């Protein structure tokens, strides 16, 4: 604590005070049957994650086209997105930490800008960026059930750069749409 290593201190306190919970290599399937074969356990976890993250219910919002949003990512946006990456987080499949991207300087910004431009032009998300590492953290309850774990998906920090740029532009579209509808309502009231 005196050497300002607070994260390490809290980690040690948690390690000393954490209740021991043995982890069995048994997982239950949907019907409650115990699975002990590692291949079957892996298949069950893959099935559970697919069900949990199924995107068939997600309906993309319909936004009016806007020329500004069709522009490729600017250097200033890439710099902003890199600065916004959270520090102290685990790396994704590529084993590149956000801190590495932050200290890359102008050469790194230019590299990520070129990468973002290529993705923007081809409209093809890189296969490496589609992969995630799932980490499971136990919650309370029967640890043989997948639902009693909190899952964290570790994605590539490089993909987060373009995602942040897209998300930054998205609220602007929804705000413009709201302002346009407010103006339309105001115009109708005056008539």
C-alpha atoms as a PDB file:
ATOM      1  CA  UNK A   1       0.000   0.000   0.000  1.00  0.00           C
ATOM      2  CA  UNK A   2       2.846   2.380   0.841  1.00  0.00           C
ATOM      3  CA  UNK A   3       4.412   1.870  -2.596  1.00  0.00           C
ATOM      4  CA  UNK A   4       1.130   2.886  -4.344  1.00  0.00           C
ATOM      5  CA  UNK A   5       0.503  -0.568  -5.791  1.00  0.00           C
ATOM      6  CA  UNK A   6      -3.176  -0.542  -4.895  1.00  0.00           C
ATOM      7  CA  UNK A   7      -4.306  -2.948  -7.590  1.00  0.00           C
ATOM      8  CA  UNK A   8      -1.760  -5.519  -6.424  1.00  0.00           C
ATOM      9  CA  UNK A   9      -2.733  -4.949  -2.783  1.00  0.00           C
ATOM     10  CA  UNK A  10      -6.442  -5.555  -3.445  1.00  0.00           C
ATOM     11  CA  UNK A  11      -5.580  -8.611  -5.505  1.00  0.00           C
ATOM     12  CA  UNK A  12      -3.618 -10.058  -2.559  1.00  0.00           C
ATOM     13  CA  UNK A  13      -6.423  -9.271  -0.107  1.00  0.00           C
ATOM     14  CA  UNK A  14      -8.927 -11.026  -2.365  1.00  0.00           C
ATOM     15  CA  UNK A  15      -6.643 -14.051  -2.682  1.00  0.00           C
ATOM     16  CA  UNK A  16      -6.326 -14.327   1.095  1.00  0.00           C
ATOM     17  CA  UNK A  17     -10.010 -13.834   1.908  1.00  0.00           C
ATOM     18  CA  UNK A  18     -11.632 -15.658  -1.000  1.00  0.00           C
ATOM     19  CA  UNK A  19     -13.612 -18.739  -0.093  1.00  0.00           C
ATOM     20  CA  UNK A  20     -12.230 -21.929  -1.640  1.00  0.00           C
ATOM     21  CA  UNK A  21     -14.515 -23.381  -4.295  1.00  0.00           C
ATOM     22  CA  UNK A  22     -13.273 -26.561  -5.915  1.00  0.00           C
ATOM     23  CA  UNK A  23     -13.858 -26.664  -9.656  1.00  0.00           C
ATOM     24  CA  UNK A  24     -15.132 -29.945 -10.976  1.00  0.00           C
ATOM     25  CA  UNK A  25     -14.657 -30.862 -14.570  1.00  0.00           C
ATOM     26  CA  UNK A  26     -18.354 -31.633 -14.882  1.00  0.00           C
ATOM     27  CA  UNK A  27     -20.936 -29.594 -16.753  1.00  0.00           C
ATOM     28  CA  UNK A  28     -24.640 -30.246 -17.103  1.00  0.00           C
ATOM     29  CA  UNK A  29     -26.345 -30.225 -20.485  1.00  0.00           C
ATOM     30  CA  UNK A  30     -29.709 -28.543 -21.157  1.00  0.00           C
ATOM     31  CA  UNK A  31     -31.567 -31.516 -19.680  1.00  0.00           C
ATOM     32  CA  UNK A  32     -29.492 -31.591 -16.490  1.00  0.00           C
ATOM     33  CA  UNK A  33     -27.402 -34.639 -17.452  1.00  0.00           C
ATOM     34  CA  UNK A  34     -23.784 -34.553 -16.286  1.00  0.00           C
ATOM     35  CA  UNK A  35     -21.114 -34.290 -18.974  1.00  0.00           C
ATOM     36  CA  UNK A  36     -17.577 -35.416 -18.093  1.00  0.00           C
ATOM     37  CA  UNK A  37     -15.956 -35.777 -21.509  1.00  0.00           C
ATOM     38  CA  UNK A  38     -13.971 -32.594 -22.230  1.00  0.00           C
ATOM     39  CA  UNK A  39     -15.112 -32.540 -25.866  1.00  0.00           C
ATOM     40  CA  UNK A  40     -18.781 -32.699 -24.805  1.00  0.00           C
ATOM     41  CA  UNK A  41     -18.185 -29.999 -22.183  1.00  0.00           C
ATOM     42  CA  UNK A  42     -16.621 -27.735 -24.825  1.00  0.00           C
ATOM     43  CA  UNK A  43     -19.576 -28.362 -27.155  1.00  0.00           C
ATOM     44  CA  UNK A  44     -22.018 -27.468 -24.356  1.00  0.00           C
ATOM     45  CA  UNK A  45     -20.193 -24.207 -23.622  1.00  0.00           C
ATOM     46  CA  UNK A  46     -20.153 -23.315 -27.325  1.00  0.00           C
ATOM     47  CA  UNK A  47     -23.895 -24.044 -27.532  1.00  0.00           C
ATOM     48  CA  UNK A  48     -24.587 -21.968 -24.407  1.00  0.00           C
ATOM     49  CA  UNK A  49     -22.601 -18.984 -25.701  1.00  0.00           C
ATOM     50  CA  UNK A  50     -24.263 -19.163 -29.126  1.00  0.00           C
ATOM     51  CA  UNK A  51     -27.690 -19.112 -27.463  1.00  0.00           C
ATOM     52  CA  UNK A  52     -26.725 -16.275 -25.159  1.00  0.00           C
ATOM     53  CA  UNK A  53     -25.259 -14.095 -27.910  1.00  0.00           C
ATOM     54  CA  UNK A  54     -27.704 -15.020 -30.659  1.00  0.00           C
ATOM     55  CA  UNK A  55     -28.123 -11.900 -32.772  1.00  0.00           C
ATOM     56  CA  UNK A  56     -31.229 -13.012 -34.656  1.00  0.00           C
ATOM     57  CA  UNK A  57     -33.383 -10.890 -32.335  1.00  0.00           C
ATOM     58  CA  UNK A  58     -31.352  -7.724 -32.921  1.00  0.00           C
ATOM     59  CA  UNK A  59     -32.944  -5.437 -35.464  1.00  0.00           C
ATOM     60  CA  UNK A  60     -30.596  -2.759 -36.758  1.00  0.00           C
ATOM     61  CA  UNK A  61     -32.074   0.732 -36.543  1.00  0.00           C
ATOM     62  CA  UNK A  62     -33.098   2.343 -39.801  1.00  0.00           C
ATOM     63  CA  UNK A  63     -31.335   5.668 -40.163  1.00  0.00           C
ATOM     64  CA  UNK A  64     -31.604   8.122 -43.003  1.00  0.00           C
ATOM     65  CA  UNK A  65     -28.435   8.247 -45.080  1.00  0.00           C
ATOM     66  CA  UNK A  66     -26.004  10.998 -44.208  1.00  0.00           C
ATOM     67  CA  UNK A  67     -22.985  11.864 -46.313  1.00  0.00           C
ATOM     68  CA  UNK A  68     -20.838  12.746 -43.261  1.00  0.00           C
ATOM     69  CA  UNK A  69     -21.228   9.256 -41.812  1.00  0.00           C
ATOM     70  CA  UNK A  70     -20.191   7.646 -45.076  1.00  0.00           C
ATOM     71  CA  UNK A  71     -16.799   9.355 -44.917  1.00  0.00           C
ATOM     72  CA  UNK A  72     -13.952   7.014 -43.999  1.00  0.00           C
ATOM     73  CA  UNK A  73     -12.460   7.333 -40.509  1.00  0.00           C
ATOM     74  CA  UNK A  74     -10.336  10.438 -40.036  1.00  0.00           C
ATOM     75  CA  UNK A  75      -6.908  10.453 -38.416  1.00  0.00           C
ATOM     76  CA  UNK A  76      -8.303  12.520 -35.534  1.00  0.00           C
ATOM     77  CA  UNK A  77     -11.021   9.890 -34.946  1.00  0.00           C
ATOM     78  CA  UNK A  78      -8.444   7.091 -34.886  1.00  0.00           C
ATOM     79  CA  UNK A  79      -6.304   9.069 -32.396  1.00  0.00           C
ATOM     80  CA  UNK A  80      -9.379   9.687 -30.242  1.00  0.00           C
ATOM     81  CA  UNK A  81     -10.417   6.012 -30.345  1.00  0.00           C
ATOM     82  CA  UNK A  82      -6.930   4.829 -29.337  1.00  0.00           C
ATOM     83  CA  UNK A  83      -6.915   7.254 -26.384  1.00  0.00           C
ATOM     84  CA  UNK A  84     -10.341   5.914 -25.337  1.00  0.00           C
ATOM     85  CA  UNK A  85      -9.140   2.302 -25.048  1.00  0.00           C
ATOM     86  CA  UNK A  86      -9.247   1.205 -21.408  1.00  0.00           C
ATOM     87  CA  UNK A  87      -5.934   0.391 -19.761  1.00  0.00           C
ATOM     88  CA  UNK A  88      -5.359  -2.616 -17.548  1.00  0.00           C
ATOM     89  CA  UNK A  89      -7.625  -4.944 -19.517  1.00  0.00           C
ATOM     90  CA  UNK A  90      -6.809  -8.387 -20.867  1.00  0.00           C
ATOM     91  CA  UNK A  91      -5.721  -8.827 -24.464  1.00  0.00           C
ATOM     92  CA  UNK A  92      -7.870 -10.575 -27.041  1.00  0.00           C
ATOM     93  CA  UNK A  93      -6.908 -13.422 -29.375  1.00  0.00           C
ATOM     94  CA  UNK A  94      -4.081 -11.333 -30.889  1.00  0.00           C
ATOM     95  CA  UNK A  95      -2.357 -10.858 -27.470  1.00  0.00           C
ATOM     96  CA  UNK A  96      -2.040  -7.100 -28.092  1.00  0.00           C
ATOM     97  CA  UNK A  97      -2.824  -4.953 -25.068  1.00  0.00           C
ATOM     98  CA  UNK A  98      -4.433  -1.519 -25.289  1.00  0.00           C
ATOM     99  CA  UNK A  99      -1.342  -0.003 -23.644  1.00  0.00           C
ATOM    100  CA  UNK A 100       0.758  -1.199 -26.579  1.00  0.00           C
ATOM    101  CA  UNK A 101      -1.558   0.575 -29.013  1.00  0.00           C
ATOM    102  CA  UNK A 102      -1.569   3.743 -26.910  1.00  0.00           C
ATOM    103  CA  UNK A 103       2.225   4.068 -26.870  1.00  0.00           C
ATOM    104  CA  UNK A 104       2.580   3.325 -30.589  1.00  0.00           C
ATOM    105  CA  UNK A 105       2.541   7.074 -31.344  1.00  0.00           C
ATOM    106  CA  UNK A 106       2.060   8.539 -34.820  1.00  0.00           C
ATOM    107  CA  UNK A 107       3.287   5.411 -36.656  1.00  0.00           C
ATOM    108  CA  UNK A 108       0.675   3.350 -34.792  1.00  0.00           C
ATOM    109  CA  UNK A 109      -2.085   5.861 -35.486  1.00  0.00           C
ATOM    110  CA  UNK A 110      -1.215   5.845 -39.182  1.00  0.00           C
ATOM    111  CA  UNK A 111      -1.120   2.025 -39.243  1.00  0.00           C
ATOM    112  CA  UNK A 112      -4.531   1.731 -37.588  1.00  0.00           C
ATOM    113  CA  UNK A 113      -5.928   4.464 -39.850  1.00  0.00           C
ATOM    114  CA  UNK A 114      -4.804   2.549 -42.954  1.00  0.00           C
ATOM    115  CA  UNK A 115      -6.289  -0.639 -41.525  1.00  0.00           C
ATOM    116  CA  UNK A 116      -9.587   1.120 -40.749  1.00  0.00           C
ATOM    117  CA  UNK A 117      -9.660   2.642 -44.256  1.00  0.00           C
ATOM    118  CA  UNK A 118      -9.163  -0.750 -45.864  1.00  0.00           C
ATOM    119  CA  UNK A 119     -11.975  -2.255 -43.784  1.00  0.00           C
ATOM    120  CA  UNK A 120     -14.186   0.755 -44.543  1.00  0.00           C
ATOM    121  CA  UNK A 121     -13.610   0.449 -48.293  1.00  0.00           C
ATOM    122  CA  UNK A 122     -13.926  -3.333 -48.560  1.00  0.00           C
ATOM    123  CA  UNK A 123     -16.708  -3.569 -45.959  1.00  0.00           C
ATOM    124  CA  UNK A 124     -15.092  -6.790 -44.739  1.00  0.00           C
ATOM    125  CA  UNK A 125     -14.336  -7.211 -41.037  1.00  0.00           C
ATOM    126  CA  UNK A 126     -11.055  -9.146 -40.599  1.00  0.00           C
ATOM    127  CA  UNK A 127     -11.504 -12.772 -39.595  1.00  0.00           C
ATOM    128  CA  UNK A 128      -9.079 -12.330 -36.658  1.00  0.00           C
ATOM    129  CA  UNK A 129     -11.336  -9.589 -35.271  1.00  0.00           C
ATOM    130  CA  UNK A 130     -14.348 -11.898 -35.338  1.00  0.00           C
ATOM    131  CA  UNK A 131     -12.757 -14.288 -32.851  1.00  0.00           C
ATOM    132  CA  UNK A 132     -13.236 -13.913 -29.109  1.00  0.00           C
ATOM    133  CA  UNK A 133     -11.821 -15.601 -26.061  1.00  0.00           C
ATOM    134  CA  UNK A 134     -14.544 -16.390 -23.541  1.00  0.00           C
ATOM    135  CA  UNK A 135     -13.586 -16.322 -19.874  1.00  0.00           C
ATOM    136  CA  UNK A 136     -15.997 -17.741 -17.329  1.00  0.00           C
ATOM    137  CA  UNK A 137     -16.283 -16.399 -13.798  1.00  0.00           C
ATOM    138  CA  UNK A 138     -18.286 -18.424 -11.271  1.00  0.00           C
ATOM    139  CA  UNK A 139     -21.360 -16.938  -9.624  1.00  0.00           C
ATOM    140  CA  UNK A 140     -23.318 -18.444  -6.755  1.00  0.00           C
ATOM    141  CA  UNK A 141     -25.233 -21.643  -7.281  1.00  0.00           C
ATOM    142  CA  UNK A 142     -24.620 -24.958  -8.994  1.00  0.00           C
ATOM    143  CA  UNK A 143     -21.304 -24.556 -10.825  1.00  0.00           C
ATOM    144  CA  UNK A 144     -22.143 -27.474 -13.079  1.00  0.00           C
ATOM    145  CA  UNK A 145     -24.656 -25.252 -14.900  1.00  0.00           C
ATOM    146  CA  UNK A 146     -23.353 -22.835 -17.525  1.00  0.00           C
ATOM    147  CA  UNK A 147     -25.889 -20.215 -16.460  1.00  0.00           C
ATOM    148  CA  UNK A 148     -24.176 -19.913 -13.078  1.00  0.00           C
ATOM    149  CA  UNK A 149     -21.112 -18.371 -14.691  1.00  0.00           C
ATOM    150  CA  UNK A 150     -20.585 -14.858 -15.881  1.00  0.00           C
ATOM    151  CA  UNK A 151     -18.996 -14.892 -19.318  1.00  0.00           C
ATOM    152  CA  UNK A 152     -16.627 -12.223 -20.537  1.00  0.00           C
ATOM    153  CA  UNK A 153     -15.732 -12.035 -24.224  1.00  0.00           C
ATOM    154  CA  UNK A 154     -12.214 -10.749 -24.846  1.00  0.00           C
ATOM    155  CA  UNK A 155     -12.070  -9.165 -28.293  1.00  0.00           C
ATOM    156  CA  UNK A 156      -9.137  -7.624 -30.082  1.00  0.00           C
ATOM    157  CA  UNK A 157      -8.340  -4.083 -28.909  1.00  0.00           C
ATOM    158  CA  UNK A 158      -7.527  -3.206 -32.523  1.00  0.00           C
ATOM    159  CA  UNK A 159     -11.141  -3.917 -33.504  1.00  0.00           C
ATOM    160  CA  UNK A 160     -12.326  -1.649 -30.701  1.00  0.00           C
ATOM    161  CA  UNK A 161     -10.732   1.310 -32.467  1.00  0.00           C
ATOM    162  CA  UNK A 162     -13.070   1.052 -35.456  1.00  0.00           C
ATOM    163  CA  UNK A 163     -16.003   0.057 -33.231  1.00  0.00           C
ATOM    164  CA  UNK A 164     -15.527   3.210 -31.143  1.00  0.00           C
ATOM    165  CA  UNK A 165     -15.483   5.364 -34.266  1.00  0.00           C
ATOM    166  CA  UNK A 166     -18.701   3.759 -35.520  1.00  0.00           C
ATOM    167  CA  UNK A 167     -20.381   4.088 -32.120  1.00  0.00           C
ATOM    168  CA  UNK A 168     -19.328   7.723 -31.849  1.00  0.00           C
ATOM    169  CA  UNK A 169     -21.028   8.436 -35.167  1.00  0.00           C
ATOM    170  CA  UNK A 170     -24.145   6.431 -34.330  1.00  0.00           C
ATOM    171  CA  UNK A 171     -25.516   8.663 -31.520  1.00  0.00           C
ATOM    172  CA  UNK A 172     -25.069  11.685 -33.757  1.00  0.00           C
ATOM    173  CA  UNK A 173     -27.379  10.054 -36.289  1.00  0.00           C
ATOM    174  CA  UNK A 174     -30.023   9.284 -33.691  1.00  0.00           C
ATOM    175  CA  UNK A 175     -29.805  12.825 -32.293  1.00  0.00           C
ATOM    176  CA  UNK A 176     -30.218  14.296 -35.797  1.00  0.00           C
ATOM    177  CA  UNK A 177     -33.237  12.056 -36.354  1.00  0.00           C
ATOM    178  CA  UNK A 178     -34.785  13.221 -33.074  1.00  0.00           C
ATOM    179  CA  UNK A 179     -34.092  16.879 -33.921  1.00  0.00           C
ATOM    180  CA  UNK A 180     -35.619  16.405 -37.373  1.00  0.00           C
ATOM    181  CA  UNK A 181     -38.776  14.882 -35.871  1.00  0.00           C
ATOM    182  CA  UNK A 182     -38.967  17.713 -33.299  1.00  0.00           C
ATOM    183  CA  UNK A 183     -38.721  20.259 -36.123  1.00  0.00           C
ATOM    184  CA  UNK A 184     -41.423  18.432 -38.078  1.00  0.00           C
ATOM    185  CA  UNK A 185     -43.747  18.408 -35.030  1.00  0.00           C
ATOM    186  CA  UNK A 186     -43.062  22.106 -34.440  1.00  0.00           C
ATOM    187  CA  UNK A 187     -43.808  22.862 -38.086  1.00  0.00           C
ATOM    188  CA  UNK A 188     -47.087  20.907 -37.928  1.00  0.00           C
ATOM    189  CA  UNK A 189     -48.145  22.738 -34.764  1.00  0.00           C
ATOM    190  CA  UNK A 190     -47.591  26.125 -36.422  1.00  0.00           C
ATOM    191  CA  UNK A 191     -49.744  25.111 -39.398  1.00  0.00           C
END
